[in-house]
Amino acid sequence: MSIKGRVWVFGDDIDTDQIYPGKYLPITDKNEMACHAMEGAEGGEEFIAHVKQNDLLVAGRNFGCGSSREHAAIALKGIGISVVIAQSFARIFRRNAVNTGLFLLESDEIGLLKKGDMIEVDPVGGTITESENKTVLHAQTVSALEMQIMEAGGLLSFLKTRYNK
């Protein structure tokens, strides 16, 4: 499996209120939720205006810290983000992302990526290839079970395909 896309870069300690501000929690429509992804983060307005389907989000340490709202992962996936690559993820955000089918990778080499870079990601093999210079970065992959859940499109889809035979 290979995912190609353009990079959006955010910093350390991006919390769930920056990813999906709490004032939008009453919204239940996933398309409307997506319109507010990263709205609370520095650079969020530009992100919302220009993000495209299959773009990739790169962030620093502790991405998704804060509350346990799954809205953050749902909004990112809904706005078109195919993979989030960070130095580390907050535990609950990681779980929510897996459960919603949003691909994750952890890498300490993300500092080599810049906003607008085109990259190709292999979430199973744990490689990130920068398209222009063909630089290959390495990432820690998720567990085999987490990968199966993400590939199925999330936990509910995984359970339906596994147990509704």
C-alpha atoms as a PDB file:
ATOM      1  CA  MET A   1       0.000   0.000   0.000  1.00  0.00           C
ATOM      2  CA  SER A   2       1.294   3.421  -0.921  1.00  0.00           C
ATOM      3  CA  ILE A   3      -0.224   6.849  -0.241  1.00  0.00           C
ATOM      4  CA  LYS A   4       0.958   9.944  -2.101  1.00  0.00           C
ATOM      5  CA  GLY A   5       0.171  13.473  -1.068  1.00  0.00           C
ATOM      6  CA  ARG A   6       1.211  16.985  -0.190  1.00  0.00           C
ATOM      7  CA  VAL A   7       2.534  17.838   3.276  1.00  0.00           C
ATOM      8  CA  TRP A   8       0.993  20.250   5.797  1.00  0.00           C
ATOM      9  CA  VAL A   9       3.232  20.934   8.802  1.00  0.00           C
ATOM     10  CA  PHE A  10       2.144  21.748  12.352  1.00  0.00           C
ATOM     11  CA  GLY A  11       4.188  21.913  15.552  1.00  0.00           C
ATOM     12  CA  ASP A  12       4.343  20.242  18.951  1.00  0.00           C
ATOM     13  CA  ASP A  13       1.500  19.795  21.421  1.00  0.00           C
ATOM     14  CA  ILE A  14      -1.340  20.352  18.963  1.00  0.00           C
ATOM     15  CA  ASP A  15      -4.335  19.537  21.141  1.00  0.00           C
ATOM     16  CA  THR A  16      -7.777  18.309  20.188  1.00  0.00           C
ATOM     17  CA  ASP A  17      -9.245  21.779  20.702  1.00  0.00           C
ATOM     18  CA  GLN A  18      -6.891  23.101  18.008  1.00  0.00           C
ATOM     19  CA  ILE A  19      -7.672  20.148  15.742  1.00  0.00           C
ATOM     20  CA  TYR A  20     -11.431  20.459  16.288  1.00  0.00           C
ATOM     21  CA  PRO A  21     -12.570  23.358  18.510  1.00  0.00           C
ATOM     22  CA  GLY A  22     -15.006  22.466  21.271  1.00  0.00           C
ATOM     23  CA  LYS A  23     -17.594  24.996  20.137  1.00  0.00           C
ATOM     24  CA  TYR A  24     -18.378  22.663  17.216  1.00  0.00           C
ATOM     25  CA  LEU A  25     -19.027  19.539  19.321  1.00  0.00           C
ATOM     26  CA  PRO A  26     -22.823  19.691  18.757  1.00  0.00           C
ATOM     27  CA  ILE A  27     -22.259  19.174  15.002  1.00  0.00           C
ATOM     28  CA  THR A  28     -22.929  15.569  13.988  1.00  0.00           C
ATOM     29  CA  ASP A  29     -22.653  15.805  10.194  1.00  0.00           C
ATOM     30  CA  LYS A  30     -19.190  14.522   9.240  1.00  0.00           C
ATOM     31  CA  ASN A  31     -18.931  16.798   6.197  1.00  0.00           C
ATOM     32  CA  GLU A  32     -19.678  19.849   8.303  1.00  0.00           C
ATOM     33  CA  MET A  33     -17.234  18.646  10.980  1.00  0.00           C
ATOM     34  CA  ALA A  34     -14.509  18.448   8.330  1.00  0.00           C
ATOM     35  CA  CYS A  35     -14.937  22.163   7.564  1.00  0.00           C
ATOM     36  CA  HIS A  36     -13.440  22.952  10.983  1.00  0.00           C
ATOM     37  CA  ALA A  37     -10.402  20.623  10.973  1.00  0.00           C
ATOM     38  CA  MET A  38      -7.313  22.393  12.377  1.00  0.00           C
ATOM     39  CA  GLU A  39      -9.304  25.626  12.745  1.00  0.00           C
ATOM     40  CA  GLY A  40      -7.833  26.314  16.177  1.00  0.00           C
ATOM     41  CA  ALA A  41      -4.195  25.776  15.175  1.00  0.00           C
ATOM     42  CA  GLU A  42      -1.799  28.398  13.866  1.00  0.00           C
ATOM     43  CA  GLY A  43      -2.111  28.195  10.077  1.00  0.00           C
ATOM     44  CA  GLY A  44      -5.487  26.493  10.353  1.00  0.00           C
ATOM     45  CA  GLU A  45      -7.374  28.955   8.152  1.00  0.00           C
ATOM     46  CA  GLU A  46      -4.932  28.463   5.273  1.00  0.00           C
ATOM     47  CA  PHE A  47      -5.096  24.699   5.812  1.00  0.00           C
ATOM     48  CA  ILE A  48      -8.911  24.669   5.608  1.00  0.00           C
ATOM     49  CA  ALA A  49      -8.896  26.856   2.494  1.00  0.00           C
ATOM     50  CA  HIS A  50      -6.307  24.836   0.556  1.00  0.00           C
ATOM     51  CA  VAL A  51      -6.161  21.246   1.834  1.00  0.00           C
ATOM     52  CA  LYS A  52      -6.919  18.615  -0.801  1.00  0.00           C
ATOM     53  CA  GLN A  53      -7.992  14.998  -0.694  1.00  0.00           C
ATOM     54  CA  ASN A  54      -5.052  12.693   0.234  1.00  0.00           C
ATOM     55  CA  ASP A  55      -2.903  15.482   1.665  1.00  0.00           C
ATOM     56  CA  LEU A  56      -0.806  14.456   4.657  1.00  0.00           C
ATOM     57  CA  LEU A  57      -0.419  16.150   8.010  1.00  0.00           C
ATOM     58  CA  VAL A  58       2.998  16.244   9.691  1.00  0.00           C
ATOM     59  CA  ALA A  59       3.313  17.328  13.310  1.00  0.00           C
ATOM     60  CA  GLY A  60       5.749  17.302  16.195  1.00  0.00           C
ATOM     61  CA  ARG A  61       5.458  15.711  19.605  1.00  0.00           C
ATOM     62  CA  ASN A  62       2.263  14.886  21.480  1.00  0.00           C
ATOM     63  CA  PHE A  63      -0.151  15.397  18.587  1.00  0.00           C
ATOM     64  CA  GLY A  64      -3.769  15.124  19.702  1.00  0.00           C
ATOM     65  CA  CYS A  65      -3.233  15.825  23.392  1.00  0.00           C
ATOM     66  CA  GLY A  66      -6.105  17.226  25.416  1.00  0.00           C
ATOM     67  CA  SER A  67      -9.618  15.866  25.512  1.00  0.00           C
ATOM     68  CA  SER A  68     -10.788  12.460  24.392  1.00  0.00           C
ATOM     69  CA  ARG A  69     -13.034  13.746  21.596  1.00  0.00           C
ATOM     70  CA  GLU A  70     -13.006  11.484  18.563  1.00  0.00           C
ATOM     71  CA  HIS A  71     -14.235  14.473  16.540  1.00  0.00           C
ATOM     72  CA  ALA A  72     -10.592  15.465  15.954  1.00  0.00           C
ATOM     73  CA  ALA A  73      -9.758  12.294  14.012  1.00  0.00           C
ATOM     74  CA  ILE A  74     -13.124  12.311  12.216  1.00  0.00           C
ATOM     75  CA  ALA A  75     -12.633  15.924  11.062  1.00  0.00           C
ATOM     76  CA  LEU A  76      -9.098  15.271   9.769  1.00  0.00           C
ATOM     77  CA  LYS A  77     -10.171  12.212   7.846  1.00  0.00           C
ATOM     78  CA  GLY A  78     -13.257  14.036   6.574  1.00  0.00           C
ATOM     79  CA  ILE A  79     -11.316  17.009   5.205  1.00  0.00           C
ATOM     80  CA  GLY A  80      -9.153  14.621   3.163  1.00  0.00           C
ATOM     81  CA  ILE A  81      -6.091  13.898   5.299  1.00  0.00           C
ATOM     82  CA  SER A  82      -4.980  10.366   4.468  1.00  0.00           C
ATOM     83  CA  VAL A  83      -2.105  10.000   6.950  1.00  0.00           C
ATOM     84  CA  VAL A  84      -0.906  11.851  10.037  1.00  0.00           C
ATOM     85  CA  ILE A  85       2.832  11.571  10.687  1.00  0.00           C
ATOM     86  CA  ALA A  86       4.076  12.872  14.022  1.00  0.00           C
ATOM     87  CA  GLN A  87       6.991  12.443  16.381  1.00  0.00           C
ATOM     88  CA  SER A  88       4.477  11.126  18.917  1.00  0.00           C
ATOM     89  CA  PHE A  89       0.732  10.937  19.496  1.00  0.00           C
ATOM     90  CA  ALA A  90      -1.349  11.373  22.608  1.00  0.00           C
ATOM     91  CA  ARG A  91      -2.674   7.965  23.622  1.00  0.00           C
ATOM     92  CA  ILE A  92      -6.383   8.705  23.254  1.00  0.00           C
ATOM     93  CA  PHE A  93      -5.981  10.481  19.899  1.00  0.00           C
ATOM     94  CA  ARG A  94      -4.022   7.480  18.628  1.00  0.00           C
ATOM     95  CA  ARG A  95      -6.821   5.139  19.648  1.00  0.00           C
ATOM     96  CA  ASN A  96      -9.489   7.390  18.116  1.00  0.00           C
ATOM     97  CA  ALA A  97      -7.542   7.673  14.859  1.00  0.00           C
ATOM     98  CA  VAL A  98      -7.188   3.909  14.562  1.00  0.00           C
ATOM     99  CA  ASN A  99     -10.877   3.437  15.397  1.00  0.00           C
ATOM    100  CA  THR A 100     -11.913   5.899  12.664  1.00  0.00           C
ATOM    101  CA  GLY A 101      -9.508   4.502  10.055  1.00  0.00           C
ATOM    102  CA  LEU A 102      -7.116   7.462   9.958  1.00  0.00           C
ATOM    103  CA  PHE A 103      -3.598   6.180   9.175  1.00  0.00           C
ATOM    104  CA  LEU A 104      -0.817   7.113  11.613  1.00  0.00           C
ATOM    105  CA  LEU A 105       2.967   6.887  11.601  1.00  0.00           C
ATOM    106  CA  GLU A 106       5.533   8.047  14.147  1.00  0.00           C
ATOM    107  CA  SER A 107       8.888   9.353  12.993  1.00  0.00           C
ATOM    108  CA  ASP A 108      11.711  11.347  14.552  1.00  0.00           C
ATOM    109  CA  GLU A 109      12.853  12.345  11.036  1.00  0.00           C
ATOM    110  CA  ILE A 110       9.896  14.606  10.187  1.00  0.00           C
ATOM    111  CA  GLY A 111      12.018  17.741  10.593  1.00  0.00           C
ATOM    112  CA  LEU A 112      13.283  17.048   7.077  1.00  0.00           C
ATOM    113  CA  LEU A 113       9.803  17.622   5.628  1.00  0.00           C
ATOM    114  CA  LYS A 114       8.473  21.045   4.658  1.00  0.00           C
ATOM    115  CA  LYS A 115       5.007  22.357   3.956  1.00  0.00           C
ATOM    116  CA  GLY A 116       4.149  21.636   0.338  1.00  0.00           C
ATOM    117  CA  ASP A 117       6.563  18.716  -0.093  1.00  0.00           C
ATOM    118  CA  MET A 118       5.151  15.838  -2.082  1.00  0.00           C
ATOM    119  CA  ILE A 119       5.752  12.532  -0.340  1.00  0.00           C
ATOM    120  CA  GLU A 120       4.876   8.885  -0.740  1.00  0.00           C
ATOM    121  CA  VAL A 121       4.090   6.974   2.435  1.00  0.00           C
ATOM    122  CA  ASP A 122       4.093   3.233   2.966  1.00  0.00           C
ATOM    123  CA  PRO A 123       2.221   2.862   6.283  1.00  0.00           C
ATOM    124  CA  VAL A 124       2.834  -0.901   6.374  1.00  0.00           C
ATOM    125  CA  GLY A 125       6.562  -0.727   5.647  1.00  0.00           C
ATOM    126  CA  GLY A 126       7.131   2.461   7.615  1.00  0.00           C
ATOM    127  CA  THR A 127       8.804   4.502   4.898  1.00  0.00           C
ATOM    128  CA  ILE A 128       8.263   8.089   3.827  1.00  0.00           C
ATOM    129  CA  THR A 129       9.816   9.059   0.486  1.00  0.00           C
ATOM    130  CA  GLU A 130      10.176  12.736  -0.383  1.00  0.00           C
ATOM    131  CA  SER A 131       9.385  12.924  -4.104  1.00  0.00           C
ATOM    132  CA  GLU A 132      11.789  15.635  -5.318  1.00  0.00           C
ATOM    133  CA  ASN A 133      15.056  14.366  -3.806  1.00  0.00           C
ATOM    134  CA  LYS A 134      13.959  10.748  -3.264  1.00  0.00           C
ATOM    135  CA  THR A 135      15.015  11.045   0.390  1.00  0.00           C
ATOM    136  CA  VAL A 136      13.690   8.088   2.388  1.00  0.00           C
ATOM    137  CA  LEU A 137      12.668   8.646   5.992  1.00  0.00           C
ATOM    138  CA  HIS A 138      11.838   5.877   8.424  1.00  0.00           C
ATOM    139  CA  ALA A 139       8.835   5.617  10.686  1.00  0.00           C
ATOM    140  CA  GLN A 140       7.525   3.328  13.372  1.00  0.00           C
ATOM    141  CA  THR A 141       4.455   1.495  12.159  1.00  0.00           C
ATOM    142  CA  VAL A 142       1.408   0.599  14.192  1.00  0.00           C
ATOM    143  CA  SER A 143       0.694  -2.963  15.340  1.00  0.00           C
ATOM    144  CA  ALA A 144      -0.627  -5.529  12.868  1.00  0.00           C
ATOM    145  CA  LEU A 145      -4.089  -5.401  14.453  1.00  0.00           C
ATOM    146  CA  GLU A 146      -4.182  -1.586  14.341  1.00  0.00           C
ATOM    147  CA  MET A 147      -3.171  -1.724  10.667  1.00  0.00           C
ATOM    148  CA  GLN A 148      -5.978  -4.185   9.913  1.00  0.00           C
ATOM    149  CA  ILE A 149      -8.473  -1.871  11.624  1.00  0.00           C
ATOM    150  CA  MET A 150      -7.223   1.200   9.721  1.00  0.00           C
ATOM    151  CA  GLU A 151      -7.179  -0.663   6.394  1.00  0.00           C
ATOM    152  CA  ALA A 152     -10.791  -1.739   7.001  1.00  0.00           C
ATOM    153  CA  GLY A 153     -11.763   1.922   7.403  1.00  0.00           C
ATOM    154  CA  GLY A 154     -12.076   1.854  11.184  1.00  0.00           C
ATOM    155  CA  LEU A 155     -13.134  -0.363  14.043  1.00  0.00           C
ATOM    156  CA  LEU A 156     -16.816  -0.715  13.122  1.00  0.00           C
ATOM    157  CA  SER A 157     -16.008  -1.720   9.536  1.00  0.00           C
ATOM    158  CA  PHE A 158     -13.333  -4.113  10.792  1.00  0.00           C
ATOM    159  CA  LEU A 159     -15.753  -5.808  13.195  1.00  0.00           C
ATOM    160  CA  LYS A 160     -18.504  -6.049  10.565  1.00  0.00           C
ATOM    161  CA  THR A 161     -16.225  -7.705   8.021  1.00  0.00           C
ATOM    162  CA  ARG A 162     -14.695  -9.999  10.613  1.00  0.00           C
ATOM    163  CA  TYR A 163     -17.804 -11.191  12.411  1.00  0.00           C
ATOM    164  CA  ASN A 164     -20.667 -10.803   9.903  1.00  0.00           C
ATOM    165  CA  LYS A 165     -19.642 -13.605   7.595  1.00  0.00           C
END
